[in-house]
Amino acid sequence: MAIDILDLVRMAQEGKRKVIFNTPRMHAWVHVYSNPGDKDDMHCHNADQTFYVIEGECTMHFPDGGKAVMKPGMVATIQGGSFYQLENTGSVPMVLMGNRSGPSEAIQHINYKLRKDIKKLPREEMERIRHGGGV
C-alpha cells in the first residue's frame, strides 16, 4: 500500500526499535530508550536525519560539551557528519521517531572516538558501543 497510517505510541510499546519503512530514498523508525539514563554512543551518520520526540525527555549531547533538551513535540534536524549522543533524561521511557535520507543499508554509524563505522565491528562489540559502552 502506498499510504499507511501508524500508531507510533503503540508501536513504541512493542519494542526498542521498529522500522516503519525503508525505501531507496528514505527510511524511518520508532526508537525507545526504556529507562532513565539509557543512552547511545557519541556518533554521526553519513546522511541527514531528524528525530521527533513523541514521549519522554531527550537530551542531545555534543562533542564540545554542549547539550539540548527536547520534550514531546520537539524535533532535531541533524546534518550528516554532525556528532551527537542521545540520552533519556526523563523519568519515563523516551520515544522518538527518526528518519534519514537513503536506505538503512547505506547508513554508516561513525563512533566519535574510533572515527570509524562500528557496523563493521563484530556484532557484540558494535552493540556494546552503540548502547553507550566503552570503546
C-alpha atoms as a PDB file:
ATOM      1  CA  MET A   1       0.000   0.000   0.000  1.00  0.00           C
ATOM      2  CA  ALA A   2       1.300   3.452  -0.884  1.00  0.00           C
ATOM      3  CA  ILE A   3      -0.082   5.052   2.298  1.00  0.00           C
ATOM      4  CA  ASP A   4      -0.062   3.595   5.816  1.00  0.00           C
ATOM      5  CA  ILE A   5      -1.489   5.128   8.993  1.00  0.00           C
ATOM      6  CA  LEU A   6       0.521   4.174  12.078  1.00  0.00           C
ATOM      7  CA  ASP A   7       0.046   4.497  15.837  1.00  0.00           C
ATOM      8  CA  LEU A   8       3.622   5.309  16.861  1.00  0.00           C
ATOM      9  CA  VAL A   9       2.914   5.243  20.601  1.00  0.00           C
ATOM     10  CA  ARG A  10       1.510   1.707  20.343  1.00  0.00           C
ATOM     11  CA  MET A  11       4.408   0.654  18.111  1.00  0.00           C
ATOM     12  CA  ALA A  12       6.876   2.019  20.666  1.00  0.00           C
ATOM     13  CA  GLN A  13       5.371  -0.178  23.385  1.00  0.00           C
ATOM     14  CA  GLU A  14       6.172  -3.267  21.306  1.00  0.00           C
ATOM     15  CA  GLY A  15       9.953  -2.966  21.367  1.00  0.00           C
ATOM     16  CA  LYS A  16      13.155  -0.975  21.459  1.00  0.00           C
ATOM     17  CA  ARG A  17      13.396  -0.107  17.776  1.00  0.00           C
ATOM     18  CA  LYS A  18      10.940  -0.762  14.993  1.00  0.00           C
ATOM     19  CA  VAL A  19      11.426   0.088  11.342  1.00  0.00           C
ATOM     20  CA  ILE A  20       8.445   1.982   9.927  1.00  0.00           C
ATOM     21  CA  PHE A  21       9.632   1.840   6.327  1.00  0.00           C
ATOM     22  CA  ASN A  22      12.801   1.547   4.288  1.00  0.00           C
ATOM     23  CA  THR A  23      12.959   2.728   0.673  1.00  0.00           C
ATOM     24  CA  PRO A  24      15.816   3.648  -1.681  1.00  0.00           C
ATOM     25  CA  ARG A  25      15.211   7.346  -0.888  1.00  0.00           C
ATOM     26  CA  MET A  26      14.449   7.330   2.865  1.00  0.00           C
ATOM     27  CA  HIS A  27      13.947   5.199   5.954  1.00  0.00           C
ATOM     28  CA  ALA A  28      12.130   5.824   9.235  1.00  0.00           C
ATOM     29  CA  TRP A  29      11.844   4.099  12.606  1.00  0.00           C
ATOM     30  CA  VAL A  30      10.489   4.347  16.150  1.00  0.00           C
ATOM     31  CA  HIS A  31      13.202   4.258  18.783  1.00  0.00           C
ATOM     32  CA  VAL A  32      12.631   3.662  22.511  1.00  0.00           C
ATOM     33  CA  TYR A  33      15.046   4.284  25.379  1.00  0.00           C
ATOM     34  CA  SER A  34      13.093   2.450  28.072  1.00  0.00           C
ATOM     35  CA  ASN A  35      14.905   3.552  31.209  1.00  0.00           C
ATOM     36  CA  PRO A  36      16.059   6.919  32.532  1.00  0.00           C
ATOM     37  CA  GLY A  37      19.791   7.142  31.830  1.00  0.00           C
ATOM     38  CA  ASP A  38      19.661   4.923  28.710  1.00  0.00           C
ATOM     39  CA  LYS A  39      21.943   6.417  26.062  1.00  0.00           C
ATOM     40  CA  ASP A  40      23.870   5.629  22.930  1.00  0.00           C
ATOM     41  CA  ASP A  41      27.445   6.455  21.967  1.00  0.00           C
ATOM     42  CA  MET A  42      28.689   9.785  20.636  1.00  0.00           C
ATOM     43  CA  HIS A  43      28.409   9.252  16.880  1.00  0.00           C
ATOM     44  CA  CYS A  44      27.367  10.589  13.494  1.00  0.00           C
ATOM     45  CA  HIS A  45      25.867   9.201  10.315  1.00  0.00           C
ATOM     46  CA  ASN A  46      26.633   9.788   6.661  1.00  0.00           C
ATOM     47  CA  ALA A  47      23.134  11.123   5.892  1.00  0.00           C
ATOM     48  CA  ASP A  48      20.840  13.924   7.032  1.00  0.00           C
ATOM     49  CA  GLN A  49      18.187  12.973   9.586  1.00  0.00           C
ATOM     50  CA  THR A  50      15.556  14.156  12.030  1.00  0.00           C
ATOM     51  CA  PHE A  51      14.418  12.975  15.471  1.00  0.00           C
ATOM     52  CA  TYR A  52      10.924  13.835  16.706  1.00  0.00           C
ATOM     53  CA  VAL A  53      10.191  13.363  20.429  1.00  0.00           C
ATOM     54  CA  ILE A  54       6.880  11.579  20.979  1.00  0.00           C
ATOM     55  CA  GLU A  55       7.153  10.851  24.713  1.00  0.00           C
ATOM     56  CA  GLY A  56       9.644  11.499  27.493  1.00  0.00           C
ATOM     57  CA  GLU A  57      12.674  13.769  27.524  1.00  0.00           C
ATOM     58  CA  CYS A  58      15.654  13.505  25.183  1.00  0.00           C
ATOM     59  CA  THR A  59      18.927  15.236  25.859  1.00  0.00           C
ATOM     60  CA  MET A  60      21.267  15.532  22.904  1.00  0.00           C
ATOM     61  CA  HIS A  61      24.912  15.833  23.934  1.00  0.00           C
ATOM     62  CA  PHE A  62      27.561  17.286  21.612  1.00  0.00           C
ATOM     63  CA  PRO A  63      31.362  16.770  21.488  1.00  0.00           C
ATOM     64  CA  ASP A  64      32.061  20.319  22.712  1.00  0.00           C
ATOM     65  CA  GLY A  65      30.170  19.605  25.955  1.00  0.00           C
ATOM     66  CA  GLY A  66      27.025  21.408  24.852  1.00  0.00           C
ATOM     67  CA  LYS A  67      23.583  19.874  25.049  1.00  0.00           C
ATOM     68  CA  ALA A  68      19.983  20.428  24.013  1.00  0.00           C
ATOM     69  CA  VAL A  69      16.956  19.147  25.925  1.00  0.00           C
ATOM     70  CA  MET A  70      13.963  18.117  23.847  1.00  0.00           C
ATOM     71  CA  LYS A  71      10.430  17.444  25.090  1.00  0.00           C
ATOM     72  CA  PRO A  72       7.405  15.941  23.295  1.00  0.00           C
ATOM     73  CA  GLY A  73       6.569  17.802  20.123  1.00  0.00           C
ATOM     74  CA  MET A  74      10.146  18.983  19.524  1.00  0.00           C
ATOM     75  CA  VAL A  75      12.277  17.908  16.577  1.00  0.00           C
ATOM     76  CA  ALA A  76      16.016  17.905  15.922  1.00  0.00           C
ATOM     77  CA  THR A  77      17.395  18.227  12.406  1.00  0.00           C
ATOM     78  CA  ILE A  78      20.863  16.755  12.072  1.00  0.00           C
ATOM     79  CA  GLN A  79      23.107  17.265   9.093  1.00  0.00           C
ATOM     80  CA  GLY A  80      25.075  14.190   8.042  1.00  0.00           C
ATOM     81  CA  GLY A  81      28.521  14.158   9.669  1.00  0.00           C
ATOM     82  CA  SER A  82      27.383  16.019  12.831  1.00  0.00           C
ATOM     83  CA  PHE A  83      28.291  14.158  16.030  1.00  0.00           C
ATOM     84  CA  TYR A  84      25.743  13.730  18.839  1.00  0.00           C
ATOM     85  CA  GLN A  85      24.651  11.395  21.642  1.00  0.00           C
ATOM     86  CA  LEU A  86      21.050  10.745  22.713  1.00  0.00           C
ATOM     87  CA  GLU A  87      20.122  10.149  26.372  1.00  0.00           C
ATOM     88  CA  ASN A  88      16.835   9.537  28.170  1.00  0.00           C
ATOM     89  CA  THR A  89      16.990  12.237  30.864  1.00  0.00           C
ATOM     90  CA  GLY A  90      13.320  11.993  31.826  1.00  0.00           C
ATOM     91  CA  SER A  91      11.537   9.764  34.334  1.00  0.00           C
ATOM     92  CA  VAL A  92       9.593   7.699  31.756  1.00  0.00           C
ATOM     93  CA  PRO A  93      10.520   5.877  28.532  1.00  0.00           C
ATOM     94  CA  MET A  94      11.807   8.194  25.808  1.00  0.00           C
ATOM     95  CA  VAL A  95      10.129   7.552  22.451  1.00  0.00           C
ATOM     96  CA  LEU A  96      11.496   9.085  19.251  1.00  0.00           C
ATOM     97  CA  MET A  97      10.612   8.847  15.600  1.00  0.00           C
ATOM     98  CA  GLY A  98      13.621   9.146  13.354  1.00  0.00           C
ATOM     99  CA  ASN A  99      14.041   9.369   9.638  1.00  0.00           C
ATOM    100  CA  ARG A 100      17.092   9.561   7.485  1.00  0.00           C
ATOM    101  CA  SER A 101      17.783  10.074   3.806  1.00  0.00           C
ATOM    102  CA  GLY A 102      18.707   6.964   1.830  1.00  0.00           C
ATOM    103  CA  PRO A 103      18.087   3.292   2.584  1.00  0.00           C
ATOM    104  CA  SER A 104      19.131   1.991   6.020  1.00  0.00           C
ATOM    105  CA  GLU A 105      21.624  -0.418   4.426  1.00  0.00           C
ATOM    106  CA  ALA A 106      23.697   2.534   3.142  1.00  0.00           C
ATOM    107  CA  ILE A 107      23.983   4.241   6.536  1.00  0.00           C
ATOM    108  CA  GLN A 108      27.214   4.322   8.491  1.00  0.00           C
ATOM    109  CA  HIS A 109      27.370   4.689  12.302  1.00  0.00           C
ATOM    110  CA  ILE A 110      30.658   6.533  12.906  1.00  0.00           C
ATOM    111  CA  ASN A 111      31.796   6.391  16.539  1.00  0.00           C
ATOM    112  CA  TYR A 112      33.332   9.680  17.722  1.00  0.00           C
ATOM    113  CA  LYS A 113      36.357   8.140  19.476  1.00  0.00           C
ATOM    114  CA  LEU A 114      37.104   5.420  16.936  1.00  0.00           C
ATOM    115  CA  ARG A 115      36.270   7.605  13.899  1.00  0.00           C
ATOM    116  CA  LYS A 116      35.091   4.510  12.056  1.00  0.00           C
ATOM    117  CA  ASP A 117      31.863   2.715  11.229  1.00  0.00           C
ATOM    118  CA  ILE A 118      31.019   0.442  14.174  1.00  0.00           C
ATOM    119  CA  LYS A 119      28.649  -1.542  11.929  1.00  0.00           C
ATOM    120  CA  LYS A 120      31.813  -3.201  10.575  1.00  0.00           C
ATOM    121  CA  LEU A 121      32.850  -4.469  14.038  1.00  0.00           C
ATOM    122  CA  PRO A 122      31.827  -7.864  15.455  1.00  0.00           C
ATOM    123  CA  ARG A 123      28.128  -7.735  16.434  1.00  0.00           C
ATOM    124  CA  GLU A 124      28.694  -7.979  20.210  1.00  0.00           C
ATOM    125  CA  GLU A 125      31.237  -5.149  20.190  1.00  0.00           C
ATOM    126  CA  MET A 126      29.042  -2.988  17.933  1.00  0.00           C
ATOM    127  CA  GLU A 127      26.016  -3.410  20.229  1.00  0.00           C
ATOM    128  CA  ARG A 128      28.056  -2.646  23.370  1.00  0.00           C
ATOM    129  CA  ILE A 129      29.457   0.569  21.847  1.00  0.00           C
ATOM    130  CA  ARG A 130      26.127   1.593  20.288  1.00  0.00           C
ATOM    131  CA  HIS A 131      24.392   1.465  23.679  1.00  0.00           C
ATOM    132  CA  GLY A 132      26.879   3.714  25.468  1.00  0.00           C
ATOM    133  CA  GLY A 133      29.513   1.120  26.402  1.00  0.00           C
ATOM    134  CA  GLY A 134      33.182   1.980  26.316  1.00  0.00           C
ATOM    135  CA  VAL A 135      35.233   1.878  23.142  1.00  0.00           C
END
